[in-house]
Amino acid sequence: GYDSYYNKYINVRKGGIGGISMVLFGYV
């Protein structure tokens, strides 16, 4: 699950704030 999330939202060519914001929102 972590690898899938990382490859889909974090490890991308043109990344944005979307992947990190999902993790922070889940933590909150």
PDB file of all heavy atoms in Angstrom:
ATOM      1  N   GLY A   1       0.816  -1.207   0.000  1.00  0.00           N
ATOM      2  CA  GLY A   1       0.000   0.000   0.000  1.00  0.00           C
ATOM      3  C   GLY A   1       0.850   1.257   0.000  1.00  0.00           C
ATOM      4  O   GLY A   1       0.558   2.213  -0.728  1.00  0.00           O
ATOM      5  N   TYR A   2       1.908   1.257   0.801  1.00  0.00           N
ATOM      6  CA  TYR A   2       2.810   2.411   0.841  1.00  0.00           C
ATOM      7  C   TYR A   2       3.489   2.603  -0.511  1.00  0.00           C
ATOM      8  O   TYR A   2       3.579   3.729  -1.014  1.00  0.00           O
ATOM      9  CB  TYR A   2       3.856   2.233   1.940  1.00  0.00           C
ATOM     10  CG  TYR A   2       4.948   3.278   1.873  1.00  0.00           C
ATOM     11  CD1 TYR A   2       4.713   4.566   2.335  1.00  0.00           C
ATOM     12  CD2 TYR A   2       6.185   2.982   1.323  1.00  0.00           C
ATOM     13  CE1 TYR A   2       5.694   5.533   2.262  1.00  0.00           C
ATOM     14  CE2 TYR A   2       7.175   3.946   1.239  1.00  0.00           C
ATOM     15  CZ  TYR A   2       6.929   5.216   1.710  1.00  0.00           C
ATOM     16  OH  TYR A   2       7.909   6.170   1.620  1.00  0.00           O
ATOM     17  N   ASP A   3       3.985   1.519  -1.100  1.00  0.00           N
ATOM     18  CA  ASP A   3       4.646   1.621  -2.401  1.00  0.00           C
ATOM     19  C   ASP A   3       3.689   2.128  -3.468  1.00  0.00           C
ATOM     20  O   ASP A   3       4.061   2.956  -4.311  1.00  0.00           O
ATOM     21  CB  ASP A   3       5.222   0.265  -2.819  1.00  0.00           C
ATOM     22  CG  ASP A   3       6.433  -0.128  -2.004  1.00  0.00           C
ATOM     23  OD1 ASP A   3       7.047   0.758  -1.373  1.00  0.00           O
ATOM     24  OD2 ASP A   3       6.771  -1.330  -1.995  1.00  0.00           O
ATOM     25  N   SER A   4       2.456   1.648  -3.440  1.00  0.00           N
ATOM     26  CA  SER A   4       1.463   2.099  -4.408  1.00  0.00           C
ATOM     27  C   SER A   4       1.181   3.588  -4.241  1.00  0.00           C
ATOM     28  O   SER A   4       1.135   4.341  -5.224  1.00  0.00           O
ATOM     29  CB  SER A   4       0.186   1.288  -4.239  1.00  0.00           C
ATOM     30  OG  SER A   4      -0.839   1.808  -5.026  1.00  0.00           O
ATOM     31  N   TYR A   5       0.977   4.037  -3.004  1.00  0.00           N
ATOM     32  CA  TYR A   5       0.727   5.456  -2.723  1.00  0.00           C
ATOM     33  C   TYR A   5       1.922   6.303  -3.142  1.00  0.00           C
ATOM     34  O   TYR A   5       1.775   7.344  -3.785  1.00  0.00           O
ATOM     35  CB  TYR A   5       0.427   5.650  -1.239  1.00  0.00           C
ATOM     36  CG  TYR A   5       0.247   7.091  -0.858  1.00  0.00           C
ATOM     37  CD1 TYR A   5      -0.972   7.721  -1.046  1.00  0.00           C
ATOM     38  CD2 TYR A   5       1.300   7.830  -0.333  1.00  0.00           C
ATOM     39  CE1 TYR A   5      -1.141   9.055  -0.707  1.00  0.00           C
ATOM     40  CE2 TYR A   5       1.140   9.160   0.000  1.00  0.00           C
ATOM     41  CZ  TYR A   5      -0.083   9.760  -0.191  1.00  0.00           C
ATOM     42  OH  TYR A   5      -0.246  11.067   0.132  1.00  0.00           O
ATOM     43  N   TYR A   6       3.111   5.863  -2.791  1.00  0.00           N
ATOM     44  CA  TYR A   6       4.320   6.618  -3.092  1.00  0.00           C
ATOM     45  C   TYR A   6       4.508   6.772  -4.596  1.00  0.00           C
ATOM     46  O   TYR A   6       4.813   7.858  -5.093  1.00  0.00           O
ATOM     47  CB  TYR A   6       5.532   5.930  -2.462  1.00  0.00           C
ATOM     48  CG  TYR A   6       6.824   6.675  -2.683  1.00  0.00           C
ATOM     49  CD1 TYR A   6       7.147   7.772  -1.899  1.00  0.00           C
ATOM     50  CD2 TYR A   6       7.715   6.287  -3.674  1.00  0.00           C
ATOM     51  CE1 TYR A   6       8.325   8.466  -2.098  1.00  0.00           C
ATOM     52  CE2 TYR A   6       8.888   6.974  -3.888  1.00  0.00           C
ATOM     53  CZ  TYR A   6       9.187   8.066  -3.094  1.00  0.00           C
ATOM     54  OH  TYR A   6      10.345   8.760  -3.301  1.00  0.00           O
ATOM     55  N   ASN A   7       4.321   5.681  -5.336  1.00  0.00           N
ATOM     56  CA  ASN A   7       4.511   5.752  -6.781  1.00  0.00           C
ATOM     57  C   ASN A   7       3.414   6.539  -7.478  1.00  0.00           C
ATOM     58  O   ASN A   7       3.655   7.125  -8.536  1.00  0.00           O
ATOM     59  CB  ASN A   7       4.599   4.351  -7.370  1.00  0.00           C
ATOM     60  CG  ASN A   7       5.903   3.673  -7.004  1.00  0.00           C
ATOM     61  OD1 ASN A   7       6.930   4.317  -6.864  1.00  0.00           O
ATOM     62  ND2 ASN A   7       5.856   2.370  -6.821  1.00  0.00           N
ATOM     63  N   LYS A   8       2.223   6.595  -6.915  1.00  0.00           N
ATOM     64  CA  LYS A   8       1.126   7.298  -7.561  1.00  0.00           C
ATOM     65  C   LYS A   8       1.128   8.796  -7.254  1.00  0.00           C
ATOM     66  O   LYS A   8       0.796   9.607  -8.126  1.00  0.00           O
ATOM     67  CB  LYS A   8      -0.205   6.691  -7.129  1.00  0.00           C
ATOM     68  CG  LYS A   8      -1.387   7.260  -7.870  1.00  0.00           C
ATOM     69  CD  LYS A   8      -2.658   6.501  -7.562  1.00  0.00           C
ATOM     70  CE  LYS A   8      -3.809   7.054  -8.373  1.00  0.00           C
ATOM     71  NZ  LYS A   8      -5.043   6.315  -8.109  1.00  0.00           N
ATOM     72  N   TYR A   9       1.481   9.191  -6.031  1.00  0.00           N
ATOM     73  CA  TYR A   9       1.338  10.584  -5.629  1.00  0.00           C
ATOM     74  C   TYR A   9       2.646  11.307  -5.324  1.00  0.00           C
ATOM     75  O   TYR A   9       2.703  12.525  -5.420  1.00  0.00           O
ATOM     76  CB  TYR A   9       0.433  10.691  -4.397  1.00  0.00           C
ATOM     77  CG  TYR A   9      -0.976  10.254  -4.671  1.00  0.00           C
ATOM     78  CD1 TYR A   9      -1.466   9.071  -4.149  1.00  0.00           C
ATOM     79  CD2 TYR A   9      -1.815  11.024  -5.461  1.00  0.00           C
ATOM     80  CE1 TYR A   9      -2.762   8.669  -4.406  1.00  0.00           C
ATOM     81  CE2 TYR A   9      -3.109  10.625  -5.729  1.00  0.00           C
ATOM     82  CZ  TYR A   9      -3.571   9.455  -5.193  1.00  0.00           C
ATOM     83  OH  TYR A   9      -4.843   9.063  -5.452  1.00  0.00           O
ATOM     84  N   ILE A  10       3.684  10.617  -4.919  1.00  0.00           N
ATOM     85  CA  ILE A  10       4.908  11.279  -4.490  1.00  0.00           C
ATOM     86  C   ILE A  10       5.997  11.183  -5.556  1.00  0.00           C
ATOM     87  O   ILE A  10       6.605  12.181  -5.926  1.00  0.00           O
ATOM     88  CB  ILE A  10       5.421  10.676  -3.158  1.00  0.00           C
ATOM     89  CG1 ILE A  10       4.319  10.669  -2.106  1.00  0.00           C
ATOM     90  CG2 ILE A  10       6.657  11.401  -2.671  1.00  0.00           C
ATOM     91  CD1 ILE A  10       3.814  12.024  -1.694  1.00  0.00           C
ATOM     92  N   ASN A  11       6.243  10.006  -6.061  1.00  0.00           N
ATOM     93  CA  ASN A  11       7.330   9.763  -6.994  1.00  0.00           C
ATOM     94  C   ASN A  11       6.849   9.986  -8.432  1.00  0.00           C
ATOM     95  O   ASN A  11       6.803   9.074  -9.235  1.00  0.00           O
ATOM     96  CB  ASN A  11       7.847   8.334  -6.814  1.00  0.00           C
ATOM     97  CG  ASN A  11       9.128   8.099  -7.570  1.00  0.00           C
ATOM     98  OD1 ASN A  11       9.845   9.026  -7.898  1.00  0.00           O
ATOM     99  ND2 ASN A  11       9.398   6.847  -7.849  1.00  0.00           N
ATOM    100  N   VAL A  12       6.510  11.227  -8.749  1.00  0.00           N
ATOM    101  CA  VAL A  12       6.016  11.560 -10.082  1.00  0.00           C
ATOM    102  C   VAL A  12       6.905  12.649 -10.671  1.00  0.00           C
ATOM    103  O   VAL A  12       7.623  13.346  -9.964  1.00  0.00           O
ATOM    104  CB  VAL A  12       4.544  12.024 -10.049  1.00  0.00           C
ATOM    105  CG1 VAL A  12       3.632  10.891  -9.681  1.00  0.00           C
ATOM    106  CG2 VAL A  12       4.359  13.178  -9.104  1.00  0.00           C
ATOM    107  N   ARG A  13       6.836  12.802 -11.980  1.00  0.00           N
ATOM    108  CA  ARG A  13       7.694  13.779 -12.650  1.00  0.00           C
ATOM    109  C   ARG A  13       7.308  15.210 -12.282  1.00  0.00           C
ATOM    110  O   ARG A  13       8.144  16.030 -11.945  1.00  0.00           O
ATOM    111  CB  ARG A  13       7.604  13.580 -14.155  1.00  0.00           C
ATOM    112  CG  ARG A  13       8.634  14.372 -14.904  1.00  0.00           C
ATOM    113  CD  ARG A  13       8.693  13.946 -16.319  1.00  0.00           C
ATOM    114  NE  ARG A  13       9.155  12.554 -16.349  1.00  0.00           N
ATOM    115  CZ  ARG A  13       9.587  11.941 -17.418  1.00  0.00           C
ATOM    116  NH1 ARG A  13       9.584  12.560 -18.563  1.00  0.00           N
ATOM    117  NH2 ARG A  13       9.994  10.698 -17.370  1.00  0.00           N
ATOM    118  N   LYS A  14       6.026  15.523 -12.384  1.00  0.00           N
ATOM    119  CA  LYS A  14       5.552  16.863 -12.024  1.00  0.00           C
ATOM    120  C   LYS A  14       4.646  16.739 -10.808  1.00  0.00           C
ATOM    121  O   LYS A  14       3.432  16.708 -10.934  1.00  0.00           O
ATOM    122  CB  LYS A  14       4.783  17.487 -13.178  1.00  0.00           C
ATOM    123  CG  LYS A  14       5.642  17.931 -14.321  1.00  0.00           C
ATOM    124  CD  LYS A  14       4.810  18.689 -15.324  1.00  0.00           C
ATOM    125  CE  LYS A  14       5.688  19.279 -16.386  1.00  0.00           C
ATOM    126  NZ  LYS A  14       4.917  20.078 -17.340  1.00  0.00           N
ATOM    127  N   GLY A  15       5.243  16.659  -9.660  1.00  0.00           N
ATOM    128  CA  GLY A  15       4.474  16.479  -8.439  1.00  0.00           C
ATOM    129  C   GLY A  15       3.907  17.788  -7.926  1.00  0.00           C
ATOM    130  O   GLY A  15       4.390  18.863  -8.247  1.00  0.00           O
ATOM    131  N   GLY A  16       2.893  17.654  -7.139  1.00  0.00           N
ATOM    132  CA  GLY A  16       2.274  18.821  -6.528  1.00  0.00           C
ATOM    133  C   GLY A  16       2.122  18.601  -5.038  1.00  0.00           C
ATOM    134  O   GLY A  16       2.755  17.742  -4.436  1.00  0.00           O
ATOM    135  N   ILE A  17       1.246  19.369  -4.455  1.00  0.00           N
ATOM    136  CA  ILE A  17       1.030  19.294  -3.016  1.00  0.00           C
ATOM    137  C   ILE A  17      -0.035  18.249  -2.666  1.00  0.00           C
ATOM    138  O   ILE A  17      -0.274  17.958  -1.508  1.00  0.00           O
ATOM    139  CB  ILE A  17       0.658  20.684  -2.475  1.00  0.00           C
ATOM    140  CG1 ILE A  17       0.782  20.721  -0.967  1.00  0.00           C
ATOM    141  CG2 ILE A  17      -0.728  21.081  -2.926  1.00  0.00           C
ATOM    142  CD1 ILE A  17       0.827  22.096  -0.401  1.00  0.00           C
ATOM    143  N   GLY A  18      -0.677  17.655  -3.665  1.00  0.00           N
ATOM    144  CA  GLY A  18      -1.785  16.733  -3.433  1.00  0.00           C
ATOM    145  C   GLY A  18      -1.447  15.535  -2.572  1.00  0.00           C
ATOM    146  O   GLY A  18      -2.179  15.191  -1.649  1.00  0.00           O
ATOM    147  N   GLY A  19      -0.334  14.853  -2.860  1.00  0.00           N
ATOM    148  CA  GLY A  19       0.014  13.645  -2.105  1.00  0.00           C
ATOM    149  C   GLY A  19       0.319  13.921  -0.655  1.00  0.00           C
ATOM    150  O   GLY A  19      -0.148  13.219   0.244  1.00  0.00           O
ATOM    151  N   ILE A  20       1.095  14.956  -0.408  1.00  0.00           N
ATOM    152  CA  ILE A  20       1.454  15.303   0.972  1.00  0.00           C
ATOM    153  C   ILE A  20       0.232  15.810   1.730  1.00  0.00           C
ATOM    154  O   ILE A  20       0.039  15.489   2.906  1.00  0.00           O
ATOM    155  CB  ILE A  20       2.562  16.377   0.978  1.00  0.00           C
ATOM    156  CG1 ILE A  20       3.801  15.870   0.250  1.00  0.00           C
ATOM    157  CG2 ILE A  20       2.898  16.808   2.387  1.00  0.00           C
ATOM    158  CD1 ILE A  20       4.471  14.687   0.892  1.00  0.00           C
ATOM    159  N   SER A  21      -0.625  16.583   1.064  1.00  0.00           N
ATOM    160  CA  SER A  21      -1.798  17.117   1.757  1.00  0.00           C
ATOM    161  C   SER A  21      -2.765  16.004   2.159  1.00  0.00           C
ATOM    162  O   SER A  21      -3.425  16.104   3.191  1.00  0.00           O
ATOM    163  CB  SER A  21      -2.505  18.159   0.897  1.00  0.00           C
ATOM    164  OG  SER A  21      -3.002  17.570  -0.283  1.00  0.00           O
ATOM    165  N   MET A  22      -2.853  14.930   1.377  1.00  0.00           N
ATOM    166  CA  MET A  22      -3.709  13.803   1.765  1.00  0.00           C
ATOM    167  C   MET A  22      -3.199  13.148   3.038  1.00  0.00           C
ATOM    168  O   MET A  22      -3.980  12.786   3.922  1.00  0.00           O
ATOM    169  CB  MET A  22      -3.795  12.779   0.636  1.00  0.00           C
ATOM    170  CG  MET A  22      -4.748  13.157  -0.445  1.00  0.00           C
ATOM    171  SD  MET A  22      -5.060  11.818  -1.578  1.00  0.00           S
ATOM    172  CE  MET A  22      -3.634  11.902  -2.601  1.00  0.00           C
ATOM    173  N   VAL A  23      -1.889  12.984   3.147  1.00  0.00           N
ATOM    174  CA  VAL A  23      -1.309  12.381   4.352  1.00  0.00           C
ATOM    175  C   VAL A  23      -1.553  13.282   5.559  1.00  0.00           C
ATOM    176  O   VAL A  23      -1.952  12.812   6.625  1.00  0.00           O
ATOM    177  CB  VAL A  23       0.199  12.131   4.157  1.00  0.00           C
ATOM    178  CG1 VAL A  23       0.849  11.714   5.457  1.00  0.00           C
ATOM    179  CG2 VAL A  23       0.430  11.082   3.097  1.00  0.00           C
ATOM    180  N   LEU A  24      -1.341  14.577   5.395  1.00  0.00           N
ATOM    181  CA  LEU A  24      -1.557  15.502   6.512  1.00  0.00           C
ATOM    182  C   LEU A  24      -3.026  15.553   6.918  1.00  0.00           C
ATOM    183  O   LEU A  24      -3.343  15.583   8.113  1.00  0.00           O
ATOM    184  CB  LEU A  24      -1.060  16.897   6.146  1.00  0.00           C
ATOM    185  CG  LEU A  24       0.447  17.035   6.001  1.00  0.00           C
ATOM    186  CD1 LEU A  24       0.810  18.431   5.532  1.00  0.00           C
ATOM    187  CD2 LEU A  24       1.145  16.702   7.291  1.00  0.00           C
ATOM    188  N   PHE A  25      -3.932  15.556   5.954  1.00  0.00           N
ATOM    189  CA  PHE A  25      -5.353  15.559   6.267  1.00  0.00           C
ATOM    190  C   PHE A  25      -5.750  14.281   7.016  1.00  0.00           C
ATOM    191  O   PHE A  25      -6.492  14.335   7.999  1.00  0.00           O
ATOM    192  CB  PHE A  25      -6.181  15.694   4.993  1.00  0.00           C
ATOM    193  CG  PHE A  25      -7.665  15.695   5.244  1.00  0.00           C
ATOM    194  CD1 PHE A  25      -8.276  16.807   5.783  1.00  0.00           C
ATOM    195  CD2 PHE A  25      -8.430  14.572   4.966  1.00  0.00           C
ATOM    196  CE1 PHE A  25      -9.640  16.806   6.026  1.00  0.00           C
ATOM    197  CE2 PHE A  25      -9.786  14.560   5.206  1.00  0.00           C
ATOM    198  CZ  PHE A  25     -10.398  15.689   5.741  1.00  0.00           C
ATOM    199  N   GLY A  26      -5.240  13.145   6.580  1.00  0.00           N
ATOM    200  CA  GLY A  26      -5.513  11.892   7.280  1.00  0.00           C
ATOM    201  C   GLY A  26      -4.990  11.906   8.702  1.00  0.00           C
ATOM    202  O   GLY A  26      -5.655  11.439   9.628  1.00  0.00           O
ATOM    203  N   TYR A  27      -3.800  12.473   8.890  1.00  0.00           N
ATOM    204  CA  TYR A  27      -3.229  12.574  10.236  1.00  0.00           C
ATOM    205  C   TYR A  27      -4.093  13.454  11.131  1.00  0.00           C
ATOM    206  O   TYR A  27      -4.341  13.117  12.297  1.00  0.00           O
ATOM    207  CB  TYR A  27      -1.809  13.127  10.154  1.00  0.00           C
ATOM    208  CG  TYR A  27      -1.231  13.460  11.502  1.00  0.00           C
ATOM    209  CD1 TYR A  27      -0.808  12.449  12.354  1.00  0.00           C
ATOM    210  CD2 TYR A  27      -1.127  14.771  11.936  1.00  0.00           C
ATOM    211  CE1 TYR A  27      -0.288  12.740  13.605  1.00  0.00           C
ATOM    212  CE2 TYR A  27      -0.613  15.078  13.172  1.00  0.00           C
ATOM    213  CZ  TYR A  27      -0.200  14.055  14.004  1.00  0.00           C
ATOM    214  OH  TYR A  27       0.304  14.350  15.239  1.00  0.00           O
ATOM    215  N   VAL A  28      -4.571  14.579  10.608  1.00  0.00           N
ATOM    216  CA  VAL A  28      -5.408  15.484  11.397  1.00  0.00           C
ATOM    217  C   VAL A  28      -6.712  14.799  11.796  1.00  0.00           C
ATOM    218  O   VAL A  28      -7.145  14.881  12.949  1.00  0.00           O
ATOM    219  CB  VAL A  28      -5.677  16.790  10.612  1.00  0.00           C
ATOM    220  CG1 VAL A  28      -6.771  17.601  11.262  1.00  0.00           C
ATOM    221  CG2 VAL A  28      -4.403  17.598  10.503  1.00  0.00           C
TER     222      VAL A  28
END
